[in-house]
């Protein structure tokens, strides 16, 4: 019998996916549907994506995590996934752009997060289907005293993920199946096969998100655009990630960042003096051609003071660019 097998949020838990597929006994003609959130938080997001791309009769829905990558909205977990995927990240995101927001066949309806009962899937709002923050607020307005699936009365079963329902799936009326059982948090990866409505699950091998968050903290920080950040933002980030719970290597590297930005910022008075000296030696056309032209004109007019220079050089990058234009060497950022 040809089956439709729907799996909950995988979140990069590739080894658990393979174990679950073996447990299900997935046949070549079985349709395998992922509710979305294939990526982020777990150790092997690209391997999960590759598996879905390469297996015939497989469908992955657009979850809120895929949607973040597609729309370029990054938080910590997206930054980690981008580094994990390496040079193939753009390829992965291009594939994500093709993902549908819902799936339906004779056996089941599947959405990532939710739907509004009584409205055909094709007419549902993408934000609600995929579980964005805006979609969640809309659902709370529509159903202030309960969940959307409290109002789901259709005979066709519906499967969804997005919100962790516990270590075991949510099963109601033999028609409603919440399949996110927190695999990336050390729970389980759960699937349901239809039309037989058999639940299959495998225990997570670890609390992957806790482990991944720690292991990738330093690489993510090193990849961040520190030179483009404003001084106060740098101070806040250094303080935030230098907590005792951070890895020693992370705290040591952030100490180097703090030392570097402190030395760059401390160079501003010397840059002001150099700008005044250079402005006194250059002609008008030479100043216009100089990358530091606006600062040099201020210096020539006697309007260059330290507060004004600090407003202009409000990031390490702008300070480094000015120093380069003035032929002053400043230290490179830590690697």
C-alpha atoms as a PDB file:
ATOM      1  CA  UNK A   1       0.000   0.000   0.000  1.00  0.00           C
ATOM      2  CA  UNK A   2       1.384   3.374  -0.997  1.00  0.00           C
ATOM      3  CA  UNK A   3       1.615   5.650   2.021  1.00  0.00           C
ATOM      4  CA  UNK A   4       2.006   9.331   2.788  1.00  0.00           C
ATOM      5  CA  UNK A   5       4.468   9.813   5.630  1.00  0.00           C
ATOM      6  CA  UNK A   6       4.577  13.216   7.331  1.00  0.00           C
ATOM      7  CA  UNK A   7       7.483  14.126   9.614  1.00  0.00           C
ATOM      8  CA  UNK A   8       7.618  16.934  12.136  1.00  0.00           C
ATOM      9  CA  UNK A   9      10.212  19.685  12.480  1.00  0.00           C
ATOM     10  CA  UNK A  10      13.657  18.165  11.827  1.00  0.00           C
ATOM     11  CA  UNK A  11      15.813  21.229  12.540  1.00  0.00           C
ATOM     12  CA  UNK A  12      19.045  19.750  11.219  1.00  0.00           C
ATOM     13  CA  UNK A  13      18.735  16.443  13.109  1.00  0.00           C
ATOM     14  CA  UNK A  14      19.930  14.382  10.154  1.00  0.00           C
ATOM     15  CA  UNK A  15      20.957  11.234  12.027  1.00  0.00           C
ATOM     16  CA  UNK A  16      17.543  11.047  13.656  1.00  0.00           C
ATOM     17  CA  UNK A  17      15.928  11.528  10.236  1.00  0.00           C
ATOM     18  CA  UNK A  18      17.781   8.516   8.836  1.00  0.00           C
ATOM     19  CA  UNK A  19      16.893   6.453  11.892  1.00  0.00           C
ATOM     20  CA  UNK A  20      13.233   7.425  11.582  1.00  0.00           C
ATOM     21  CA  UNK A  21      13.128   6.652   7.853  1.00  0.00           C
ATOM     22  CA  UNK A  22      14.524   3.179   8.582  1.00  0.00           C
ATOM     23  CA  UNK A  23      11.993   2.647  11.358  1.00  0.00           C
ATOM     24  CA  UNK A  24       9.126   3.699   9.112  1.00  0.00           C
ATOM     25  CA  UNK A  25      10.356   1.306   6.421  1.00  0.00           C
ATOM     26  CA  UNK A  26       9.946   3.999   3.800  1.00  0.00           C
ATOM     27  CA  UNK A  27       9.266   2.503   0.382  1.00  0.00           C
ATOM     28  CA  UNK A  28      10.315   4.108  -2.879  1.00  0.00           C
ATOM     29  CA  UNK A  29       6.719   4.914  -3.837  1.00  0.00           C
ATOM     30  CA  UNK A  30       5.799   6.360  -0.433  1.00  0.00           C
ATOM     31  CA  UNK A  31       5.343  10.130  -0.394  1.00  0.00           C
ATOM     32  CA  UNK A  32       7.462  11.708   2.328  1.00  0.00           C
ATOM     33  CA  UNK A  33       6.410  15.157   3.529  1.00  0.00           C
ATOM     34  CA  UNK A  34       8.355  17.430   5.877  1.00  0.00           C
ATOM     35  CA  UNK A  35       6.211  19.997   7.660  1.00  0.00           C
ATOM     36  CA  UNK A  36       9.001  22.573   7.352  1.00  0.00           C
ATOM     37  CA  UNK A  37      11.820  23.818   9.573  1.00  0.00           C
ATOM     38  CA  UNK A  38      14.284  21.358   8.100  1.00  0.00           C
ATOM     39  CA  UNK A  39      17.119  23.656   9.155  1.00  0.00           C
ATOM     40  CA  UNK A  40      18.512  25.688  12.081  1.00  0.00           C
ATOM     41  CA  UNK A  41      19.448  24.589  15.604  1.00  0.00           C
ATOM     42  CA  UNK A  42      20.677  21.093  14.759  1.00  0.00           C
ATOM     43  CA  UNK A  43      24.097  19.832  13.667  1.00  0.00           C
ATOM     44  CA  UNK A  44      23.463  18.914  10.011  1.00  0.00           C
ATOM     45  CA  UNK A  45      20.928  21.207   8.306  1.00  0.00           C
ATOM     46  CA  UNK A  46      22.435  20.979   4.830  1.00  0.00           C
ATOM     47  CA  UNK A  47      22.443  17.174   4.960  1.00  0.00           C
ATOM     48  CA  UNK A  48      18.716  17.241   5.753  1.00  0.00           C
ATOM     49  CA  UNK A  49      18.047  19.581   2.831  1.00  0.00           C
ATOM     50  CA  UNK A  50      20.151  17.440   0.509  1.00  0.00           C
ATOM     51  CA  UNK A  51      18.226  14.327   1.522  1.00  0.00           C
ATOM     52  CA  UNK A  52      14.895  15.926   0.594  1.00  0.00           C
ATOM     53  CA  UNK A  53      16.304  17.319  -2.636  1.00  0.00           C
ATOM     54  CA  UNK A  54      17.656  13.973  -3.755  1.00  0.00           C
ATOM     55  CA  UNK A  55      14.871  11.600  -2.741  1.00  0.00           C
ATOM     56  CA  UNK A  56      12.049  11.220  -5.265  1.00  0.00           C
ATOM     57  CA  UNK A  57       8.504  11.539  -3.889  1.00  0.00           C
ATOM     58  CA  UNK A  58       9.639  13.935  -1.172  1.00  0.00           C
ATOM     59  CA  UNK A  59       8.055  17.283  -0.321  1.00  0.00           C
ATOM     60  CA  UNK A  60       9.254  19.908   2.150  1.00  0.00           C
ATOM     61  CA  UNK A  61       7.058  22.809   3.182  1.00  0.00           C
ATOM     62  CA  UNK A  62       8.099  26.377   3.826  1.00  0.00           C
ATOM     63  CA  UNK A  63       8.517  26.727   7.573  1.00  0.00           C
ATOM     64  CA  UNK A  64       9.180  29.967   9.364  1.00  0.00           C
ATOM     65  CA  UNK A  65      12.889  29.070   9.554  1.00  0.00           C
ATOM     66  CA  UNK A  66      13.199  28.504   5.791  1.00  0.00           C
ATOM     67  CA  UNK A  67      11.286  31.723   5.251  1.00  0.00           C
ATOM     68  CA  UNK A  68      13.820  33.631   7.372  1.00  0.00           C
ATOM     69  CA  UNK A  69      16.668  32.399   5.172  1.00  0.00           C
ATOM     70  CA  UNK A  70      14.764  33.233   1.995  1.00  0.00           C
ATOM     71  CA  UNK A  71      13.947  36.739   3.233  1.00  0.00           C
ATOM     72  CA  UNK A  72      17.407  37.369   4.690  1.00  0.00           C
ATOM     73  CA  UNK A  73      16.150  37.784   8.263  1.00  0.00           C
ATOM     74  CA  UNK A  74      18.897  36.439  10.486  1.00  0.00           C
ATOM     75  CA  UNK A  75      19.023  35.563  14.134  1.00  0.00           C
ATOM     76  CA  UNK A  76      21.617  33.401  15.811  1.00  0.00           C
ATOM     77  CA  UNK A  77      20.328  30.067  14.484  1.00  0.00           C
ATOM     78  CA  UNK A  78      20.284  31.338  10.884  1.00  0.00           C
ATOM     79  CA  UNK A  79      23.843  32.633  11.232  1.00  0.00           C
ATOM     80  CA  UNK A  80      24.937  29.179  12.380  1.00  0.00           C
ATOM     81  CA  UNK A  81      23.191  27.434   9.490  1.00  0.00           C
ATOM     82  CA  UNK A  82      24.823  29.806   7.002  1.00  0.00           C
ATOM     83  CA  UNK A  83      28.254  28.837   8.330  1.00  0.00           C
ATOM     84  CA  UNK A  84      27.378  25.134   8.494  1.00  0.00           C
ATOM     85  CA  UNK A  85      26.343  25.135   4.826  1.00  0.00           C
ATOM     86  CA  UNK A  86      29.517  26.978   3.789  1.00  0.00           C
ATOM     87  CA  UNK A  87      29.911  27.730   0.099  1.00  0.00           C
ATOM     88  CA  UNK A  88      26.686  25.847  -0.679  1.00  0.00           C
ATOM     89  CA  UNK A  89      24.532  28.160   1.382  1.00  0.00           C
ATOM     90  CA  UNK A  90      23.279  30.221  -1.579  1.00  0.00           C
ATOM     91  CA  UNK A  91      22.363  27.029  -3.407  1.00  0.00           C
ATOM     92  CA  UNK A  92      20.389  25.844  -0.388  1.00  0.00           C
ATOM     93  CA  UNK A  93      18.477  29.116  -0.116  1.00  0.00           C
ATOM     94  CA  UNK A  94      17.661  29.069  -3.838  1.00  0.00           C
ATOM     95  CA  UNK A  95      16.046  25.674  -3.291  1.00  0.00           C
ATOM     96  CA  UNK A  96      14.131  26.981  -0.276  1.00  0.00           C
ATOM     97  CA  UNK A  97      12.578  29.667  -2.466  1.00  0.00           C
ATOM     98  CA  UNK A  98      10.738  26.922  -4.364  1.00  0.00           C
ATOM     99  CA  UNK A  99       9.072  25.379  -1.303  1.00  0.00           C
ATOM    100  CA  UNK A 100       5.278  25.279  -1.125  1.00  0.00           C
ATOM    101  CA  UNK A 101       3.365  26.528   1.916  1.00  0.00           C
ATOM    102  CA  UNK A 102       0.987  23.575   2.103  1.00  0.00           C
ATOM    103  CA  UNK A 103       0.450  20.032   0.859  1.00  0.00           C
ATOM    104  CA  UNK A 104      -2.724  18.056   0.314  1.00  0.00           C
ATOM    105  CA  UNK A 105      -3.620  14.689  -1.180  1.00  0.00           C
ATOM    106  CA  UNK A 106      -6.327  12.074  -0.631  1.00  0.00           C
ATOM    107  CA  UNK A 107      -4.785  11.070   2.711  1.00  0.00           C
ATOM    108  CA  UNK A 108      -3.935  14.279   4.519  1.00  0.00           C
ATOM    109  CA  UNK A 109      -3.512  18.047   4.612  1.00  0.00           C
ATOM    110  CA  UNK A 110      -0.164  19.371   5.827  1.00  0.00           C
ATOM    111  CA  UNK A 111       0.827  22.869   6.941  1.00  0.00           C
ATOM    112  CA  UNK A 112       3.853  24.009   8.847  1.00  0.00           C
ATOM    113  CA  UNK A 113       2.159  25.945  11.620  1.00  0.00           C
ATOM    114  CA  UNK A 114      -1.553  26.553  11.195  1.00  0.00           C
ATOM    115  CA  UNK A 115      -4.517  27.306   8.988  1.00  0.00           C
ATOM    116  CA  UNK A 116      -7.806  29.104   9.436  1.00  0.00           C
ATOM    117  CA  UNK A 117     -10.569  26.453   9.350  1.00  0.00           C
ATOM    118  CA  UNK A 118     -13.148  26.948   6.643  1.00  0.00           C
ATOM    119  CA  UNK A 119     -10.769  28.627   4.196  1.00  0.00           C
ATOM    120  CA  UNK A 120      -9.217  26.524   1.368  1.00  0.00           C
ATOM    121  CA  UNK A 121      -5.490  25.990   1.702  1.00  0.00           C
ATOM    122  CA  UNK A 122      -4.791  27.855  -1.521  1.00  0.00           C
ATOM    123  CA  UNK A 123      -6.452  30.965  -0.048  1.00  0.00           C
ATOM    124  CA  UNK A 124      -4.657  30.904   3.317  1.00  0.00           C
ATOM    125  CA  UNK A 125      -2.203  33.636   4.242  1.00  0.00           C
ATOM    126  CA  UNK A 126       1.429  32.564   3.969  1.00  0.00           C
ATOM    127  CA  UNK A 127       2.211  34.147   7.329  1.00  0.00           C
ATOM    128  CA  UNK A 128      -0.329  31.915   9.063  1.00  0.00           C
ATOM    129  CA  UNK A 129       0.657  28.762   7.193  1.00  0.00           C
ATOM    130  CA  UNK A 130       4.358  29.212   7.940  1.00  0.00           C
ATOM    131  CA  UNK A 131       4.048  30.527  11.481  1.00  0.00           C
ATOM    132  CA  UNK A 132       5.641  33.954  11.260  1.00  0.00           C
ATOM    133  CA  UNK A 133       5.352  36.358  14.174  1.00  0.00           C
ATOM    134  CA  UNK A 134       2.731  38.325  12.267  1.00  0.00           C
ATOM    135  CA  UNK A 135       0.808  35.150  11.463  1.00  0.00           C
ATOM    136  CA  UNK A 136       0.855  34.117  15.115  1.00  0.00           C
ATOM    137  CA  UNK A 137      -0.586  37.490  16.156  1.00  0.00           C
ATOM    138  CA  UNK A 138      -3.349  37.142  13.569  1.00  0.00           C
ATOM    139  CA  UNK A 139      -4.267  33.705  14.910  1.00  0.00           C
ATOM    140  CA  UNK A 140      -4.348  35.024  18.473  1.00  0.00           C
ATOM    141  CA  UNK A 141      -6.805  37.683  17.318  1.00  0.00           C
ATOM    142  CA  UNK A 142      -8.961  35.150  15.460  1.00  0.00           C
ATOM    143  CA  UNK A 143      -8.902  32.552  18.241  1.00  0.00           C
ATOM    144  CA  UNK A 144      -8.338  34.411  21.516  1.00  0.00           C
ATOM    145  CA  UNK A 145      -9.583  31.604  23.743  1.00  0.00           C
ATOM    146  CA  UNK A 146      -8.125  28.536  22.079  1.00  0.00           C
ATOM    147  CA  UNK A 147      -6.211  27.088  19.178  1.00  0.00           C
ATOM    148  CA  UNK A 148      -7.039  27.136  15.504  1.00  0.00           C
ATOM    149  CA  UNK A 149      -7.310  23.353  15.467  1.00  0.00           C
ATOM    150  CA  UNK A 150     -10.054  23.494  18.107  1.00  0.00           C
ATOM    151  CA  UNK A 151     -12.224  24.749  15.236  1.00  0.00           C
ATOM    152  CA  UNK A 152     -11.012  22.258  12.636  1.00  0.00           C
ATOM    153  CA  UNK A 153     -14.003  20.043  11.775  1.00  0.00           C
ATOM    154  CA  UNK A 154     -13.146  18.672   8.323  1.00  0.00           C
ATOM    155  CA  UNK A 155     -12.988  14.907   7.850  1.00  0.00           C
ATOM    156  CA  UNK A 156      -9.603  15.144   6.091  1.00  0.00           C
ATOM    157  CA  UNK A 157      -6.795  14.649   8.644  1.00  0.00           C
ATOM    158  CA  UNK A 158      -4.392  17.544   9.123  1.00  0.00           C
ATOM    159  CA  UNK A 159      -0.761  17.349  10.244  1.00  0.00           C
ATOM    160  CA  UNK A 160       1.393  20.266  11.357  1.00  0.00           C
ATOM    161  CA  UNK A 161       4.477  21.193  13.342  1.00  0.00           C
ATOM    162  CA  UNK A 162       6.028  24.504  14.434  1.00  0.00           C
ATOM    163  CA  UNK A 163       5.174  24.464  18.138  1.00  0.00           C
ATOM    164  CA  UNK A 164       6.628  21.754  20.349  1.00  0.00           C
ATOM    165  CA  UNK A 165       3.655  19.828  21.716  1.00  0.00           C
ATOM    166  CA  UNK A 166       5.697  17.690  24.126  1.00  0.00           C
ATOM    167  CA  UNK A 167       7.716  14.494  23.939  1.00  0.00           C
ATOM    168  CA  UNK A 168       4.781  12.745  22.272  1.00  0.00           C
ATOM    169  CA  UNK A 169       2.672  14.044  19.390  1.00  0.00           C
ATOM    170  CA  UNK A 170      -0.659  15.772  19.758  1.00  0.00           C
ATOM    171  CA  UNK A 171      -3.412  13.476  18.474  1.00  0.00           C
ATOM    172  CA  UNK A 172      -7.045  14.628  18.551  1.00  0.00           C
ATOM    173  CA  UNK A 173     -10.137  12.950  17.156  1.00  0.00           C
ATOM    174  CA  UNK A 174      -7.920  10.773  14.952  1.00  0.00           C
ATOM    175  CA  UNK A 175      -7.815  13.753  12.544  1.00  0.00           C
ATOM    176  CA  UNK A 176      -5.501  16.333  14.088  1.00  0.00           C
ATOM    177  CA  UNK A 177      -1.795  15.557  14.425  1.00  0.00           C
ATOM    178  CA  UNK A 178       0.773  17.931  15.944  1.00  0.00           C
ATOM    179  CA  UNK A 179       4.135  16.417  15.103  1.00  0.00           C
ATOM    180  CA  UNK A 180       6.785  18.744  16.550  1.00  0.00           C
ATOM    181  CA  UNK A 181       8.104  16.773  19.501  1.00  0.00           C
ATOM    182  CA  UNK A 182      11.256  18.798  19.987  1.00  0.00           C
ATOM    183  CA  UNK A 183      13.901  16.702  18.251  1.00  0.00           C
ATOM    184  CA  UNK A 184      16.455  19.523  18.289  1.00  0.00           C
ATOM    185  CA  UNK A 185      15.885  20.072  22.013  1.00  0.00           C
ATOM    186  CA  UNK A 186      16.536  16.460  23.010  1.00  0.00           C
ATOM    187  CA  UNK A 187      12.947  15.253  22.570  1.00  0.00           C
ATOM    188  CA  UNK A 188      11.966  13.026  19.657  1.00  0.00           C
ATOM    189  CA  UNK A 189      11.535  13.126  15.903  1.00  0.00           C
ATOM    190  CA  UNK A 190       8.014  12.026  15.048  1.00  0.00           C
ATOM    191  CA  UNK A 191       6.197  11.031  11.870  1.00  0.00           C
ATOM    192  CA  UNK A 192       2.761   9.717  10.990  1.00  0.00           C
ATOM    193  CA  UNK A 193       1.994   7.431   8.081  1.00  0.00           C
ATOM    194  CA  UNK A 194      -1.348   7.611   6.317  1.00  0.00           C
ATOM    195  CA  UNK A 195      -3.899   6.341   5.590  1.00  0.00           C
ATOM    196  CA  UNK A 196      -3.094   3.829   8.373  1.00  0.00           C
ATOM    197  CA  UNK A 197      -2.456   6.664  10.872  1.00  0.00           C
ATOM    198  CA  UNK A 198       0.497   4.912  12.485  1.00  0.00           C
ATOM    199  CA  UNK A 199       2.780   7.057  14.643  1.00  0.00           C
ATOM    200  CA  UNK A 200       6.532   6.475  14.382  1.00  0.00           C
ATOM    201  CA  UNK A 201       9.138   8.208  16.555  1.00  0.00           C
ATOM    202  CA  UNK A 202      12.817   8.018  17.466  1.00  0.00           C
ATOM    203  CA  UNK A 203      14.462   9.633  20.461  1.00  0.00           C
ATOM    204  CA  UNK A 204      16.867  12.489  19.834  1.00  0.00           C
ATOM    205  CA  UNK A 205      20.507  11.590  20.334  1.00  0.00           C
ATOM    206  CA  UNK A 206      21.213  14.817  22.248  1.00  0.00           C
ATOM    207  CA  UNK A 207      19.964  18.276  23.079  1.00  0.00           C
ATOM    208  CA  UNK A 208      21.310  19.453  19.738  1.00  0.00           C
ATOM    209  CA  UNK A 209      20.402  23.108  20.041  1.00  0.00           C
ATOM    210  CA  UNK A 210      22.249  23.525  23.337  1.00  0.00           C
ATOM    211  CA  UNK A 211      25.313  21.809  21.900  1.00  0.00           C
ATOM    212  CA  UNK A 212      25.197  23.566  18.526  1.00  0.00           C
ATOM    213  CA  UNK A 213      24.679  26.952  20.162  1.00  0.00           C
ATOM    214  CA  UNK A 214      27.865  26.484  22.197  1.00  0.00           C
ATOM    215  CA  UNK A 215      29.994  24.949  19.438  1.00  0.00           C
ATOM    216  CA  UNK A 216      29.209  27.644  16.868  1.00  0.00           C
ATOM    217  CA  UNK A 217      29.227  30.687  19.114  1.00  0.00           C
ATOM    218  CA  UNK A 218      32.815  31.686  18.349  1.00  0.00           C
ATOM    219  CA  UNK A 219      32.625  31.073  14.554  1.00  0.00           C
ATOM    220  CA  UNK A 220      29.440  33.159  14.377  1.00  0.00           C
ATOM    221  CA  UNK A 221      31.026  35.959  16.370  1.00  0.00           C
ATOM    222  CA  UNK A 222      34.131  35.919  14.179  1.00  0.00           C
ATOM    223  CA  UNK A 223      31.968  36.149  11.065  1.00  0.00           C
ATOM    224  CA  UNK A 224      30.057  39.161  12.390  1.00  0.00           C
ATOM    225  CA  UNK A 225      30.760  42.587  10.799  1.00  0.00           C
ATOM    226  CA  UNK A 226      32.382  44.119  13.883  1.00  0.00           C
ATOM    227  CA  UNK A 227      34.047  46.919  11.923  1.00  0.00           C
ATOM    228  CA  UNK A 228      30.663  48.149  10.664  1.00  0.00           C
ATOM    229  CA  UNK A 229      29.030  48.249  14.100  1.00  0.00           C
ATOM    230  CA  UNK A 230      28.717  51.392  16.160  1.00  0.00           C
ATOM    231  CA  UNK A 231      30.885  51.682  19.246  1.00  0.00           C
ATOM    232  CA  UNK A 232      28.028  51.233  21.723  1.00  0.00           C
ATOM    233  CA  UNK A 233      26.742  48.182  19.841  1.00  0.00           C
ATOM    234  CA  UNK A 234      30.193  46.617  20.043  1.00  0.00           C
ATOM    235  CA  UNK A 235      30.391  47.246  23.777  1.00  0.00           C
ATOM    236  CA  UNK A 236      26.949  45.695  24.278  1.00  0.00           C
ATOM    237  CA  UNK A 237      27.801  42.600  22.212  1.00  0.00           C
ATOM    238  CA  UNK A 238      31.124  42.067  23.970  1.00  0.00           C
ATOM    239  CA  UNK A 239      29.419  42.298  27.351  1.00  0.00           C
ATOM    240  CA  UNK A 240      26.578  40.000  26.278  1.00  0.00           C
ATOM    241  CA  UNK A 241      28.764  37.188  24.952  1.00  0.00           C
ATOM    242  CA  UNK A 242      31.513  37.452  27.564  1.00  0.00           C
ATOM    243  CA  UNK A 243      29.312  35.967  30.265  1.00  0.00           C
ATOM    244  CA  UNK A 244      30.689  33.145  32.440  1.00  0.00           C
ATOM    245  CA  UNK A 245      28.506  30.676  30.498  1.00  0.00           C
ATOM    246  CA  UNK A 246      30.421  31.385  27.270  1.00  0.00           C
ATOM    247  CA  UNK A 247      33.325  29.182  26.238  1.00  0.00           C
ATOM    248  CA  UNK A 248      36.797  30.350  27.408  1.00  0.00           C
ATOM    249  CA  UNK A 249      37.953  30.696  23.784  1.00  0.00           C
ATOM    250  CA  UNK A 250      34.977  32.953  23.065  1.00  0.00           C
ATOM    251  CA  UNK A 251      35.703  35.188  26.048  1.00  0.00           C
ATOM    252  CA  UNK A 252      39.381  35.386  25.098  1.00  0.00           C
ATOM    253  CA  UNK A 253      38.583  36.394  21.516  1.00  0.00           C
ATOM    254  CA  UNK A 254      36.060  38.997  22.639  1.00  0.00           C
ATOM    255  CA  UNK A 255      38.733  40.434  24.908  1.00  0.00           C
ATOM    256  CA  UNK A 256      40.870  40.907  21.790  1.00  0.00           C
ATOM    257  CA  UNK A 257      37.932  42.613  20.053  1.00  0.00           C
ATOM    258  CA  UNK A 258      37.465  44.966  22.987  1.00  0.00           C
ATOM    259  CA  UNK A 259      41.186  45.777  22.999  1.00  0.00           C
ATOM    260  CA  UNK A 260      41.192  46.372  19.232  1.00  0.00           C
ATOM    261  CA  UNK A 261      38.146  48.645  19.206  1.00  0.00           C
ATOM    262  CA  UNK A 262      39.536  50.515  22.210  1.00  0.00           C
ATOM    263  CA  UNK A 263      42.785  51.214  20.360  1.00  0.00           C
ATOM    264  CA  UNK A 264      40.938  52.283  17.197  1.00  0.00           C
ATOM    265  CA  UNK A 265      38.660  54.621  19.120  1.00  0.00           C
ATOM    266  CA  UNK A 266      41.583  56.038  21.100  1.00  0.00           C
ATOM    267  CA  UNK A 267      43.257  57.072  17.820  1.00  0.00           C
ATOM    268  CA  UNK A 268      40.654  59.736  17.064  1.00  0.00           C
ATOM    269  CA  UNK A 269      42.551  62.656  18.655  1.00  0.00           C
ATOM    270  CA  UNK A 270      45.647  61.762  16.627  1.00  0.00           C
ATOM    271  CA  UNK A 271      43.512  61.574  13.472  1.00  0.00           C
ATOM    272  CA  UNK A 272      42.150  65.040  14.172  1.00  0.00           C
ATOM    273  CA  UNK A 273      45.678  66.442  14.434  1.00  0.00           C
ATOM    274  CA  UNK A 274      46.739  64.641  11.241  1.00  0.00           C
ATOM    275  CA  UNK A 275      43.689  65.957   9.377  1.00  0.00           C
ATOM    276  CA  UNK A 276      44.490  69.531  10.352  1.00  0.00           C
ATOM    277  CA  UNK A 277      48.139  69.123   9.311  1.00  0.00           C
ATOM    278  CA  UNK A 278      47.240  67.590   5.961  1.00  0.00           C
ATOM    279  CA  UNK A 279      44.540  70.191   5.246  1.00  0.00           C
ATOM    280  CA  UNK A 280      47.109  72.920   5.764  1.00  0.00           C
ATOM    281  CA  UNK A 281      49.436  71.366   3.185  1.00  0.00           C
ATOM    282  CA  UNK A 282      46.986  70.435   0.405  1.00  0.00           C
ATOM    283  CA  UNK A 283      45.345  72.613  -2.180  1.00  0.00           C
ATOM    284  CA  UNK A 284      41.607  72.733  -2.740  1.00  0.00           C
ATOM    285  CA  UNK A 285      41.619  70.318  -5.700  1.00  0.00           C
ATOM    286  CA  UNK A 286      43.850  67.890  -3.808  1.00  0.00           C
ATOM    287  CA  UNK A 287      41.447  67.913  -0.877  1.00  0.00           C
ATOM    288  CA  UNK A 288      38.501  67.270  -3.212  1.00  0.00           C
ATOM    289  CA  UNK A 289      40.250  64.199  -4.601  1.00  0.00           C
ATOM    290  CA  UNK A 290      41.181  62.879  -1.168  1.00  0.00           C
ATOM    291  CA  UNK A 291      38.843  60.215   0.306  1.00  0.00           C
ATOM    292  CA  UNK A 292      38.871  62.229   3.537  1.00  0.00           C
ATOM    293  CA  UNK A 293      37.857  65.393   1.691  1.00  0.00           C
ATOM    294  CA  UNK A 294      34.857  66.392   3.882  1.00  0.00           C
ATOM    295  CA  UNK A 295      36.926  66.035   7.053  1.00  0.00           C
ATOM    296  CA  UNK A 296      39.848  67.950   5.530  1.00  0.00           C
ATOM    297  CA  UNK A 297      37.590  70.829   4.487  1.00  0.00           C
ATOM    298  CA  UNK A 298      36.236  71.001   8.030  1.00  0.00           C
ATOM    299  CA  UNK A 299      39.815  71.091   9.315  1.00  0.00           C
ATOM    300  CA  UNK A 300      40.756  73.872   6.865  1.00  0.00           C
ATOM    301  CA  UNK A 301      37.788  75.957   8.031  1.00  0.00           C
ATOM    302  CA  UNK A 302      38.748  75.380  11.669  1.00  0.00           C
ATOM    303  CA  UNK A 303      35.506  73.482  12.343  1.00  0.00           C
ATOM    304  CA  UNK A 304      37.016  70.068  13.082  1.00  0.00           C
ATOM    305  CA  UNK A 305      36.673  69.240  16.753  1.00  0.00           C
ATOM    306  CA  UNK A 306      36.803  65.865  18.521  1.00  0.00           C
ATOM    307  CA  UNK A 307      33.016  65.527  19.110  1.00  0.00           C
ATOM    308  CA  UNK A 308      32.403  66.171  15.413  1.00  0.00           C
ATOM    309  CA  UNK A 309      35.049  63.656  14.410  1.00  0.00           C
ATOM    310  CA  UNK A 310      33.501  61.081  16.742  1.00  0.00           C
ATOM    311  CA  UNK A 311      30.126  61.614  15.089  1.00  0.00           C
ATOM    312  CA  UNK A 312      31.715  61.020  11.697  1.00  0.00           C
ATOM    313  CA  UNK A 313      33.853  58.072  12.817  1.00  0.00           C
ATOM    314  CA  UNK A 314      31.003  56.265  14.576  1.00  0.00           C
ATOM    315  CA  UNK A 315      32.267  52.786  13.606  1.00  0.00           C
ATOM    316  CA  UNK A 316      35.692  51.159  13.407  1.00  0.00           C
ATOM    317  CA  UNK A 317      35.327  50.952   9.609  1.00  0.00           C
ATOM    318  CA  UNK A 318      34.831  54.687   9.189  1.00  0.00           C
ATOM    319  CA  UNK A 319      37.754  55.303  11.526  1.00  0.00           C
ATOM    320  CA  UNK A 320      39.986  52.893   9.624  1.00  0.00           C
ATOM    321  CA  UNK A 321      38.999  54.468   6.298  1.00  0.00           C
ATOM    322  CA  UNK A 322      39.868  57.926   7.579  1.00  0.00           C
ATOM    323  CA  UNK A 323      43.187  56.679   8.952  1.00  0.00           C
ATOM    324  CA  UNK A 324      44.030  55.110   5.586  1.00  0.00           C
ATOM    325  CA  UNK A 325      43.225  58.384   3.794  1.00  0.00           C
ATOM    326  CA  UNK A 326      45.549  60.175   6.206  1.00  0.00           C
ATOM    327  CA  UNK A 327      48.319  57.548   5.745  1.00  0.00           C
ATOM    328  CA  UNK A 328      48.113  56.488   9.383  1.00  0.00           C
ATOM    329  CA  UNK A 329      48.410  52.795  10.184  1.00  0.00           C
ATOM    330  CA  UNK A 330      45.927  51.353  12.716  1.00  0.00           C
ATOM    331  CA  UNK A 331      45.818  47.733  13.958  1.00  0.00           C
ATOM    332  CA  UNK A 332      43.914  45.116  11.988  1.00  0.00           C
ATOM    333  CA  UNK A 333      40.954  43.410  13.661  1.00  0.00           C
ATOM    334  CA  UNK A 334      41.516  40.111  15.484  1.00  0.00           C
ATOM    335  CA  UNK A 335      41.067  36.964  13.450  1.00  0.00           C
END
